Protein backbone atom coordinates (compact mmCIF):
# COMPACT_ATOMS: atom_id res chain seq x y z
CA MET A 1 10.46 0.29 16.78
CA THR A 2 7.15 0.80 14.51
CA THR A 3 7.74 -0.59 10.75
CA LEU A 4 6.52 1.38 7.64
CA LEU A 5 5.59 -0.68 4.93
CA TYR A 6 4.24 -0.19 1.34
CA SER A 7 2.38 -3.34 0.28
CA VAL A 8 0.90 -3.17 -3.47
CA THR A 9 -0.28 -5.21 -6.39
CA ALA A 10 0.80 -4.26 -9.79
CA SER A 11 0.37 -4.96 -13.49
CA ALA A 12 3.30 -6.31 -15.16
CA ASP A 13 4.20 -3.05 -16.58
CA GLY A 14 4.03 -1.36 -13.17
CA TYR A 15 0.33 0.37 -12.59
CA ILE A 16 -1.49 -0.10 -9.45
CA ALA A 17 -4.65 1.40 -11.11
CA GLY A 18 -5.96 1.34 -14.77
CA ARG A 19 -7.29 4.58 -16.38
CA GLY A 20 -9.24 6.84 -14.21
CA GLY A 21 -8.18 4.77 -10.90
CA ASP A 22 -10.10 1.81 -12.13
CA MET A 23 -9.27 -1.51 -9.94
CA SER A 24 -11.69 -3.99 -11.95
CA TRP A 25 -8.81 -5.63 -13.68
CA LEU A 26 -7.74 -6.76 -10.03
CA LEU A 27 -10.60 -8.80 -9.42
CA GLU A 28 -9.70 -11.67 -11.47
CA PHE A 29 -6.36 -12.13 -9.68
CA LEU A 30 -7.84 -11.90 -6.13
CA GLY A 31 -8.30 -15.14 -4.02
CA GLU A 32 -6.55 -17.25 -6.99
CA GLU A 33 -4.15 -18.80 -4.66
CA PRO A 34 -2.73 -18.19 -1.14
CA ASN A 35 -0.15 -15.73 -0.94
CA PRO A 36 2.00 -16.09 2.19
CA ILE A 37 3.92 -13.01 2.17
CA PHE A 38 0.41 -11.28 2.12
CA GLU A 39 -1.13 -13.39 4.68
CA LEU A 40 1.61 -12.46 7.13
CA VAL A 41 1.44 -8.59 6.31
CA GLY A 42 -2.28 -8.70 7.09
CA GLN A 43 -1.92 -10.39 10.26
CA ARG A 44 0.79 -7.99 11.32
CA THR A 45 -0.75 -4.78 10.11
CA THR A 46 -1.91 -2.44 13.01
CA ALA A 47 -2.41 0.92 11.12
CA LEU A 48 -2.85 1.90 7.80
CA LEU A 49 -1.88 5.26 6.54
CA VAL A 50 -3.74 6.06 3.58
CA GLY A 51 -3.57 9.03 0.75
CA ARG A 52 -6.77 10.95 -0.46
CA THR A 53 -6.57 9.38 -3.92
CA THR A 54 -6.94 5.79 -2.45
CA PHE A 55 -9.42 6.46 0.08
CA ASP A 56 -11.73 8.10 -2.54
CA GLY A 57 -10.65 5.24 -5.08
CA ASP A 58 -12.04 2.22 -6.62
CA ASP A 59 -12.45 -0.77 -4.28
CA PRO A 60 -12.90 -3.67 -6.52
CA HIS A 61 -15.03 -5.14 -3.98
CA ALA A 62 -17.00 -2.08 -3.42
CA GLY A 63 -20.53 -3.04 -2.51
CA ASP A 64 -19.48 -6.50 -1.58
CA PRO A 65 -19.82 -6.36 2.71
CA GLU A 66 -18.14 -9.21 3.06
CA LYS A 67 -14.74 -8.08 0.84
CA GLU A 68 -14.90 -4.35 0.83
CA GLY A 69 -11.93 -2.77 2.31
CA ALA A 70 -8.17 -3.38 3.31
CA PHE A 71 -7.25 -7.04 2.71
CA GLU A 72 -10.37 -7.97 1.05
CA GLY A 73 -12.35 -6.79 4.05
CA GLN A 74 -10.50 -8.95 6.51
CA TRP A 75 -8.70 -6.35 8.45
CA GLU A 76 -10.19 -3.86 11.18
CA GLY A 77 -8.53 -1.24 12.94
CA PRO A 78 -7.11 2.40 12.87
CA GLN A 79 -6.65 4.28 9.47
CA VAL A 80 -4.98 7.54 9.18
CA LEU A 81 -6.00 9.84 6.22
CA LEU A 82 -3.67 12.37 4.84
CA THR A 83 -6.15 14.89 2.99
CA HIS A 84 -6.28 18.71 2.77
CA ARG A 85 -10.15 18.16 2.37
CA PRO A 86 -12.95 17.46 4.78
CA VAL A 87 -14.35 13.94 4.83
CA ASP A 88 -17.91 13.66 4.64
CA SER A 89 -19.30 11.26 7.64
CA PRO A 90 -15.86 9.75 8.16
CA PRO A 91 -15.96 6.07 9.78
CA ALA A 92 -15.18 5.85 13.35
CA ASN A 93 -11.68 4.10 12.98
CA LEU A 94 -10.62 7.03 10.35
CA LEU A 95 -8.17 9.44 11.76
CA VAL A 96 -7.97 12.32 9.45
CA ARG A 97 -4.74 14.31 9.17
CA HIS A 98 -3.60 17.39 7.21
CA THR A 99 0.15 17.30 6.91
CA PHE A 100 2.39 14.61 6.01
CA ASP A 101 4.38 14.80 9.19
CA GLU A 102 1.11 14.82 11.57
CA ALA A 103 -0.19 11.60 9.42
CA VAL A 104 3.02 9.90 9.69
CA SER A 105 3.25 10.33 13.30
CA THR A 106 -0.64 9.50 14.12
CA ALA A 107 0.13 6.44 11.99
CA ARG A 108 2.79 5.22 14.09
CA GLY A 109 1.15 6.24 17.24
CA ALA A 110 -1.95 4.03 16.26
CA ALA A 111 0.35 1.20 15.27
CA GLY A 112 2.25 1.01 18.55
CA ALA A 113 6.06 0.87 19.12
CA ASP A 114 6.37 -2.59 17.78
CA GLY A 115 3.51 -2.26 15.20
CA LEU A 116 3.20 -2.25 11.50
CA VAL A 117 2.06 0.60 9.46
CA ASN A 118 0.80 -0.38 5.78
CA ILE A 119 0.99 2.44 3.53
CA ILE A 120 -1.99 2.26 0.89
CA GLY A 121 -1.42 4.80 -1.90
CA ALA A 122 1.53 5.57 -4.46
CA ASP A 123 1.91 9.36 -3.69
CA ILE A 124 2.16 8.55 0.12
CA ALA A 125 4.22 5.88 -0.59
CA ARG A 126 6.54 8.37 -2.40
CA GLN A 127 6.75 10.84 0.35
CA CYS A 128 7.64 8.64 3.01
CA LEU A 129 10.31 7.18 0.33
CA ALA A 130 11.49 10.98 -0.06
CA ALA A 131 11.53 11.54 3.66
CA ASP A 132 13.48 8.26 4.05
CA LEU A 133 10.77 6.74 6.07
CA LEU A 134 9.87 3.70 4.31
CA ASP A 135 11.41 0.53 5.66
CA GLN A 136 9.66 -2.39 3.41
CA VAL A 137 8.11 -2.69 0.27
CA ILE A 138 6.01 -5.83 -0.96
CA ILE A 139 5.02 -5.71 -4.86
CA SER A 140 2.76 -8.62 -5.74
CA THR A 141 3.25 -8.42 -9.77
CA VAL A 142 0.15 -10.07 -12.17
CA PRO A 143 0.20 -11.05 -15.18
CA ILE A 144 -1.70 -8.56 -16.85
CA LEU A 145 -0.62 -5.24 -18.98
CA LEU A 146 -2.63 -1.87 -18.24
CA GLY A 147 -0.87 0.22 -20.60
CA ALA A 148 -1.80 3.28 -18.47
CA GLY A 149 -2.96 4.41 -14.95
CA THR A 150 -1.53 5.01 -11.85
CA PRO A 151 2.28 4.19 -11.54
CA LEU A 152 3.65 2.21 -8.57
CA LEU A 153 5.17 5.43 -7.35
CA SER A 154 3.30 8.38 -8.47
CA GLY A 155 5.21 11.37 -9.14
CA SER A 156 8.57 10.01 -7.91
CA ILE A 157 11.67 12.25 -9.13
CA GLY A 158 14.50 9.90 -7.93
CA SER A 159 15.51 6.36 -7.51
CA TYR A 160 15.48 4.12 -4.38
CA GLY A 161 17.86 1.38 -3.56
CA LEU A 162 15.99 -1.99 -2.46
CA GLU A 163 17.31 -5.59 -0.87
CA LEU A 164 15.43 -8.56 -1.83
CA THR A 165 14.37 -10.39 1.57
CA ASP A 166 11.66 -12.82 0.26
CA GLU A 167 9.84 -13.68 -2.79
CA SER A 168 6.81 -16.17 -3.42
CA PRO A 169 6.37 -17.08 -6.93
CA SER A 170 3.12 -18.20 -8.00
CA ARG A 171 1.95 -21.68 -8.51
CA SER A 172 -0.28 -20.93 -11.51
CA PRO A 173 0.48 -19.11 -15.04
CA ARG A 174 -2.27 -16.50 -13.89
CA GLY A 175 -1.08 -15.78 -10.24
CA ALA A 176 0.99 -12.95 -8.83
CA HIS A 177 4.80 -13.32 -8.23
CA THR A 178 5.47 -11.24 -4.73
CA ARG A 179 8.46 -10.14 -3.65
CA HIS A 180 9.23 -8.39 -0.32
CA TYR A 181 12.21 -5.70 -0.30
CA ARG A 182 14.17 -3.92 2.56
CA VAL A 183 14.37 -0.11 1.63
CA LEU A 184 18.17 0.79 1.60
CA ARG A 185 18.76 4.01 3.67
CA ARG A 186 20.17 6.94 1.68
CA GLY A 187 22.26 8.39 4.66
CA PRO A 188 23.12 12.04 5.17
CA LYS A 189 22.90 14.13 2.10
CA GLY A 190 26.04 14.29 0.28
CA SER A 191 27.21 10.69 1.19
């Protein structure tokens, strides 16, 4: 069965991007120390499901041909973009879809039956949670307070139960603390 995972790095106050989508704050934490959970995710990811804001957003490695892109430029494969607007000159590995159901179905198909779809973007992660489709969440928290920006779950109107399955504390005071969770299913409405 295809697994849907939301993996994200967040500030200590729960923001995944600063004001105006700024991601430059993340640079000082990238490559600081190896993170076994994220290394495993990068190796297992077989497709990406990306929201438009993230697709158009600020890559902290923009312009660096060796590190720009997912997993600091180390991942290649199909990317499914959920958008309602046209994309100018899309890369060959980009599959553009215009509805949520179509994007999820395409990402699952691209990932394969035993694959891993890594969801990149707070809004699309929230939509997957609301549809009870998200299986796992990995949050890597870094020691910085941004004060404002894009929250971990953009637009969430409910709460979602999680069960901790693994964690990787930092070996340095400036490193990330990563937690891997299983999403608890909400079950039928009214239960």
